[in-house]
C-alpha atoms as a PDB file:
ATOM      1  CA  MET A   1     -12.089 -22.345 -28.864  1.00  0.00           C
ATOM      2  CA  ASN A   2     -11.993 -19.353 -31.512  1.00  0.00           C
ATOM      3  CA  ASP A   3      -9.564 -16.523 -31.372  1.00  0.00           C
ATOM      4  CA  THR A   4     -11.797 -14.009 -29.637  1.00  0.00           C
ATOM      5  CA  GLN A   5     -12.573 -16.642 -26.770  1.00  0.00           C
ATOM      6  CA  TYR A   6      -8.868 -17.532 -26.449  1.00  0.00           C
ATOM      7  CA  HIS A   7      -8.013 -13.565 -26.162  1.00  0.00           C
ATOM      8  CA  ASN A   8     -10.700 -13.100 -23.704  1.00  0.00           C
ATOM      9  CA  THR A   9      -9.519 -15.958 -21.588  1.00  0.00           C
ATOM     10  CA  ALA A  10      -5.941 -14.703 -21.803  1.00  0.00           C
ATOM     11  CA  HIS A  11      -6.934 -11.323 -20.831  1.00  0.00           C
ATOM     12  CA  LYS A  12      -8.956 -12.398 -17.753  1.00  0.00           C
ATOM     13  CA  ILE A  13      -5.903 -14.650 -16.633  1.00  0.00           C
ATOM     14  CA  ILE A  14      -3.538 -11.631 -17.003  1.00  0.00           C
ATOM     15  CA  ASN A  15      -5.903  -9.365 -15.192  1.00  0.00           C
ATOM     16  CA  LEU A  16      -6.209 -11.934 -12.254  1.00  0.00           C
ATOM     17  CA  PHE A  17      -2.530 -12.233 -12.121  1.00  0.00           C
ATOM     18  CA  MET A  18      -1.925  -8.237 -12.056  1.00  0.00           C
ATOM     19  CA  LEU A  19      -4.688  -7.899  -9.352  1.00  0.00           C
ATOM     20  CA  LYS A  20      -2.877 -10.664  -7.389  1.00  0.00           C
ATOM     21  CA  VAL A  21       0.449  -9.120  -7.600  1.00  0.00           C
ATOM     22  CA  ILE A  22      -1.057  -5.629  -6.477  1.00  0.00           C
ATOM     23  CA  ALA A  23      -2.717  -7.383  -3.473  1.00  0.00           C
ATOM     24  CA  ILE A  24       0.497  -9.136  -2.461  1.00  0.00           C
ATOM     25  CA  LEU A  25       2.323  -6.096  -2.491  1.00  0.00           C
ATOM     26  CA  MET A  26      -0.028  -4.229  -0.527  1.00  0.00           C
ATOM     27  CA  THR A  27      -0.403  -7.083   1.988  1.00  0.00           C
ATOM     28  CA  LEU A  28       3.417  -6.799   2.453  1.00  0.00           C
ATOM     29  CA  THR A  29       3.086  -3.352   3.907  1.00  0.00           C
ATOM     30  CA  LEU A  30       0.648  -4.796   6.641  1.00  0.00           C
ATOM     31  CA  PHE A  31       3.519  -4.521   9.115  1.00  0.00           C
ATOM     32  CA  ARG A  32       3.274  -0.885   9.221  1.00  0.00           C
ATOM     33  CA  ALA A  33       0.251  -1.431  11.391  1.00  0.00           C
ATOM     34  CA  GLN A  34       2.701  -2.591  14.238  1.00  0.00           C
ATOM     35  CA  THR A  35       4.056   0.877  14.758  1.00  0.00           C
ATOM     36  CA  ILE A  36       1.245   1.681  17.314  1.00  0.00           C
ATOM     37  CA  PHE A  37       3.555  -0.374  19.796  1.00  0.00           C
ATOM     38  CA  PHE A  38       6.445   2.006  19.233  1.00  0.00           C
ATOM     39  CA  ILE A  39       4.534   5.074  19.993  1.00  0.00           C
ATOM     40  CA  PRO A  40       5.382   4.573  23.905  1.00  0.00           C
ATOM     41  CA  LYS A  41       8.993   4.719  23.044  1.00  0.00           C
ATOM     42  CA  ILE A  42       8.760   8.319  21.954  1.00  0.00           C
ATOM     43  CA  GLU A  43      10.390  11.006  24.027  1.00  0.00           C
ATOM     44  CA  MET A  44       7.230  12.771  24.859  1.00  0.00           C
ATOM     45  CA  PHE A  45       6.088   9.582  26.492  1.00  0.00           C
ATOM     46  CA  GLY A  46       9.377   8.775  28.307  1.00  0.00           C
ATOM     47  CA  GLY A  47      10.911   7.008  25.531  1.00  0.00           C
ATOM     48  CA  ILE A  48      14.278   7.406  23.690  1.00  0.00           C
ATOM     49  CA  THR A  49      12.974   7.938  20.128  1.00  0.00           C
ATOM     50  CA  PRO A  50      12.754  11.373  18.843  1.00  0.00           C
ATOM     51  CA  ASN A  51       9.262  13.139  19.013  1.00  0.00           C
ATOM     52  CA  GLY A  52       9.465  13.382  15.332  1.00  0.00           C
ATOM     53  CA  TRP A  53       8.513   9.574  14.871  1.00  0.00           C
ATOM     54  CA  LEU A  54       4.951  10.181  16.240  1.00  0.00           C
ATOM     55  CA  GLY A  55       3.506  11.497  12.961  1.00  0.00           C
ATOM     56  CA  PRO A  56       4.959   8.670  10.650  1.00  0.00           C
ATOM     57  CA  TRP A  57       4.101   5.924  13.320  1.00  0.00           C
ATOM     58  CA  ALA A  58       0.577   7.207  13.749  1.00  0.00           C
ATOM     59  CA  SER A  59      -0.116   7.402   9.960  1.00  0.00           C
ATOM     60  CA  ASP A  60       1.531   4.029   9.640  1.00  0.00           C
ATOM     61  CA  PHE A  61      -0.766   2.653  11.902  1.00  0.00           C
ATOM     62  CA  VAL A  62      -3.907   3.929  10.286  1.00  0.00           C
ATOM     63  CA  ILE A  63      -2.616   2.954   6.847  1.00  0.00           C
ATOM     64  CA  GLY A  64      -1.687  -0.468   8.066  1.00  0.00           C
ATOM     65  CA  LEU A  65      -5.318  -0.943   9.311  1.00  0.00           C
ATOM     66  CA  LEU A  66      -6.690  -0.328   5.991  1.00  0.00           C
ATOM     67  CA  VAL A  67      -4.508  -2.892   4.178  1.00  0.00           C
ATOM     68  CA  PRO A  68      -7.146  -5.686   4.598  1.00  0.00           C
ATOM     69  CA  VAL A  69      -9.872  -3.496   3.263  1.00  0.00           C
ATOM     70  CA  MET A  70      -7.872  -2.237   0.212  1.00  0.00           C
ATOM     71  CA  VAL A  71      -6.677  -5.778  -0.453  1.00  0.00           C
ATOM     72  CA  TYR A  72     -10.345  -6.969  -0.491  1.00  0.00           C
ATOM     73  CA  LEU A  73     -11.436  -4.016  -2.772  1.00  0.00           C
ATOM     74  CA  ALA A  74      -8.604  -4.804  -5.172  1.00  0.00           C
ATOM     75  CA  LEU A  75      -9.575  -8.391  -5.477  1.00  0.00           C
ATOM     76  CA  LYS A  76     -13.357  -8.349  -5.344  1.00  0.00           C
ATOM     77  CA  ALA A  77     -14.608  -4.963  -6.282  1.00  0.00           C
ATOM     78  CA  LYS A  78     -14.711  -2.953  -9.585  1.00  0.00           C
ATOM     79  CA  GLY A  79     -15.599   0.576 -10.662  1.00  0.00           C
ATOM     80  CA  ALA A  80     -13.771   3.865 -11.198  1.00  0.00           C
ATOM     81  CA  ARG A  81     -14.274   4.967  -7.667  1.00  0.00           C
ATOM     82  CA  ILE A  82     -12.601   1.647  -6.369  1.00  0.00           C
ATOM     83  CA  TRP A  83      -9.689   2.256  -8.762  1.00  0.00           C
ATOM     84  CA  GLY A  84      -9.428   5.704  -7.526  1.00  0.00           C
ATOM     85  CA  LEU A  85      -9.586   4.670  -3.827  1.00  0.00           C
ATOM     86  CA  LEU A  86      -6.764   2.103  -4.745  1.00  0.00           C
ATOM     87  CA  VAL A  87      -4.472   4.727  -6.435  1.00  0.00           C
ATOM     88  CA  ILE A  88      -5.036   7.205  -3.520  1.00  0.00           C
ATOM     89  CA  TYR A  89      -4.273   4.575  -0.809  1.00  0.00           C
ATOM     90  CA  ASN A  90      -0.870   3.550  -2.579  1.00  0.00           C
ATOM     91  CA  ALA A  91       0.021   7.040  -3.248  1.00  0.00           C
ATOM     92  CA  VAL A  92      -0.554   8.152   0.217  1.00  0.00           C
ATOM     93  CA  GLY A  93       1.177   5.164   1.424  1.00  0.00           C
ATOM     94  CA  ALA A  94       4.108   5.642  -0.721  1.00  0.00           C
ATOM     95  CA  PHE A  95       4.371   9.254   0.614  1.00  0.00           C
ATOM     96  CA  ASP A  96       4.092   8.056   4.145  1.00  0.00           C
ATOM     97  CA  TYR A  97       7.033   6.139   3.577  1.00  0.00           C
ATOM     98  CA  SER A  98       8.925   8.927   2.006  1.00  0.00           C
ATOM     99  CA  GLN A  99       8.125  10.920   5.221  1.00  0.00           C
ATOM    100  CA  GLY A 100       9.625   7.985   7.256  1.00  0.00           C
ATOM    101  CA  LEU A 101      12.868   8.348   5.343  1.00  0.00           C
ATOM    102  CA  ILE A 102      12.963  12.112   5.841  1.00  0.00           C
ATOM    103  CA  THR A 103      12.084  11.692   9.664  1.00  0.00           C
ATOM    104  CA  GLN A 104      15.131   9.162   9.831  1.00  0.00           C
ATOM    105  CA  TRP A 105      17.323  11.690   8.134  1.00  0.00           C
ATOM    106  CA  VAL A 106      16.163  14.684  10.367  1.00  0.00           C
ATOM    107  CA  SER A 107      15.566  12.936  13.694  1.00  0.00           C
ATOM    108  CA  PRO A 108      17.401   9.503  13.564  1.00  0.00           C
ATOM    109  CA  MET A 109      15.951   6.603  15.464  1.00  0.00           C
ATOM    110  CA  PRO A 110      18.287   5.560  18.375  1.00  0.00           C
ATOM    111  CA  VAL A 111      20.411   2.509  17.507  1.00  0.00           C
ATOM    112  CA  GLU A 112      18.962   0.909  20.667  1.00  0.00           C
ATOM    113  CA  MET A 113      15.726   0.458  18.413  1.00  0.00           C
ATOM    114  CA  ALA A 114      17.191  -0.225  15.093  1.00  0.00           C
ATOM    115  CA  SER A 115      20.274   0.458  13.015  1.00  0.00           C
ATOM    116  CA  GLN A 116      20.112   3.334  10.400  1.00  0.00           C
ATOM    117  CA  ILE A 117      20.805   0.965   7.656  1.00  0.00           C
ATOM    118  CA  SER A 118      17.859  -1.296   8.793  1.00  0.00           C
ATOM    119  CA  VAL A 119      15.571   1.889   8.937  1.00  0.00           C
ATOM    120  CA  TYR A 120      16.525   3.091   5.705  1.00  0.00           C
ATOM    121  CA  LEU A 121      16.452  -0.157   4.024  1.00  0.00           C
ATOM    122  CA  GLY A 122      13.190  -1.425   5.588  1.00  0.00           C
ATOM    123  CA  ILE A 123      11.359   1.808   4.676  1.00  0.00           C
ATOM    124  CA  GLY A 124      12.895   2.048   1.338  1.00  0.00           C
ATOM    125  CA  VAL A 125      11.854  -1.546   0.358  1.00  0.00           C
ATOM    126  CA  PHE A 126       8.265  -1.181   1.436  1.00  0.00           C
ATOM    127  CA  MET A 127       8.086   2.363  -0.356  1.00  0.00           C
ATOM    128  CA  ILE A 128       9.180   0.472  -3.461  1.00  0.00           C
ATOM    129  CA  PHE A 129       6.406  -2.092  -3.155  1.00  0.00           C
ATOM    130  CA  GLN A 130       3.872   0.604  -2.737  1.00  0.00           C
ATOM    131  CA  LEU A 131       5.136   2.385  -5.835  1.00  0.00           C
ATOM    132  CA  ILE A 132       5.154  -0.737  -7.749  1.00  0.00           C
ATOM    133  CA  ALA A 133       1.574  -1.425  -6.726  1.00  0.00           C
ATOM    134  CA  LEU A 134       0.705   2.194  -7.699  1.00  0.00           C
ATOM    135  CA  THR A 135       2.459   1.907 -11.044  1.00  0.00           C
ATOM    136  CA  LEU A 136       0.631  -1.464 -11.779  1.00  0.00           C
ATOM    137  CA  LEU A 137      -2.835   0.333 -11.271  1.00  0.00           C
ATOM    138  CA  PHE A 138      -2.145   2.272 -14.134  1.00  0.00           C
ATOM    139  CA  ARG A 139      -1.621  -0.425 -16.470  1.00  0.00           C
ATOM    140  CA  THR A 140      -4.331  -0.206 -19.358  1.00  0.00           C
ATOM    141  CA  ASP A 141      -5.486  -3.799 -18.611  1.00  0.00           C
ATOM    142  CA  VAL A 142      -5.862  -2.973 -14.704  1.00  0.00           C
ATOM    143  CA  ILE A 143      -7.854   0.237 -15.518  1.00  0.00           C
ATOM    144  CA  HIS A 144     -10.042  -1.823 -17.876  1.00  0.00           C
ATOM    145  CA  HIS A 145     -10.783  -4.388 -15.482  1.00  0.00           C
ATOM    146  CA  PHE A 146     -11.916  -1.697 -12.862  1.00  0.00           C
ATOM    147  CA  SER A 147     -13.846   0.277 -15.608  1.00  0.00           C
ATOM    148  CA  ALA A 148     -15.646  -2.908 -16.666  1.00  0.00           C
ATOM    149  CA  SER A 149     -18.244  -2.281 -13.921  1.00  0.00           C
ATOM    150  CA  SER A 150     -21.121  -3.638 -15.857  1.00  0.00           C
ATOM    151  CA  GLN A 151     -19.642  -7.109 -15.382  1.00  0.00           C
ATOM    152  CA  LYS A 152     -19.795  -7.077 -11.697  1.00  0.00           C
ATOM    153  CA  LYS A 153     -21.548  -4.378  -9.577  1.00  0.00           C
ATOM    154  CA  SER A 154     -19.315  -2.175  -7.430  1.00  0.00           C
ATOM    155  CA  ILE A 155     -19.216  -2.388  -3.605  1.00  0.00           C
ATOM    156  CA  ILE A 156     -19.314   1.389  -3.633  1.00  0.00           C
ATOM    157  CA  ASN A 157     -22.453   2.717  -5.579  1.00  0.00           C
ATOM    158  CA  GLU A 158     -21.405   4.888  -8.659  1.00  0.00           C
END
């Protein structure tokens, strides 16, 4: 094996590892889809949770439903549009978590549902996962992987 082949093999292994890390971090946020079950607990529906949680929980549900699609795209697709979709998805996901933190500050969730520390800690940790995935997408090797669309056709036509 010559130096070029060794470098290419090492580069592919690093790319695969980074893509798996991004996919795992995104998969860890899948739990946000369960927030659909919290919506009946909002005051306007007869529950005890402030109405301010409707927006964060509804958006969490939608973003959570997209997790399997985005993980699939991260692992199996290439192209600038795919990379852009992943960047947008993770940026919106992190922003949504920040909205949850703001909502907890302005309209705290009742302790009957969760303690303040568990809400702040849970949302904060998942926001960090999303931000790490977003940051990894901007690594040169990851960008190169998605821009090398000539090696594998993109699922979304470019």
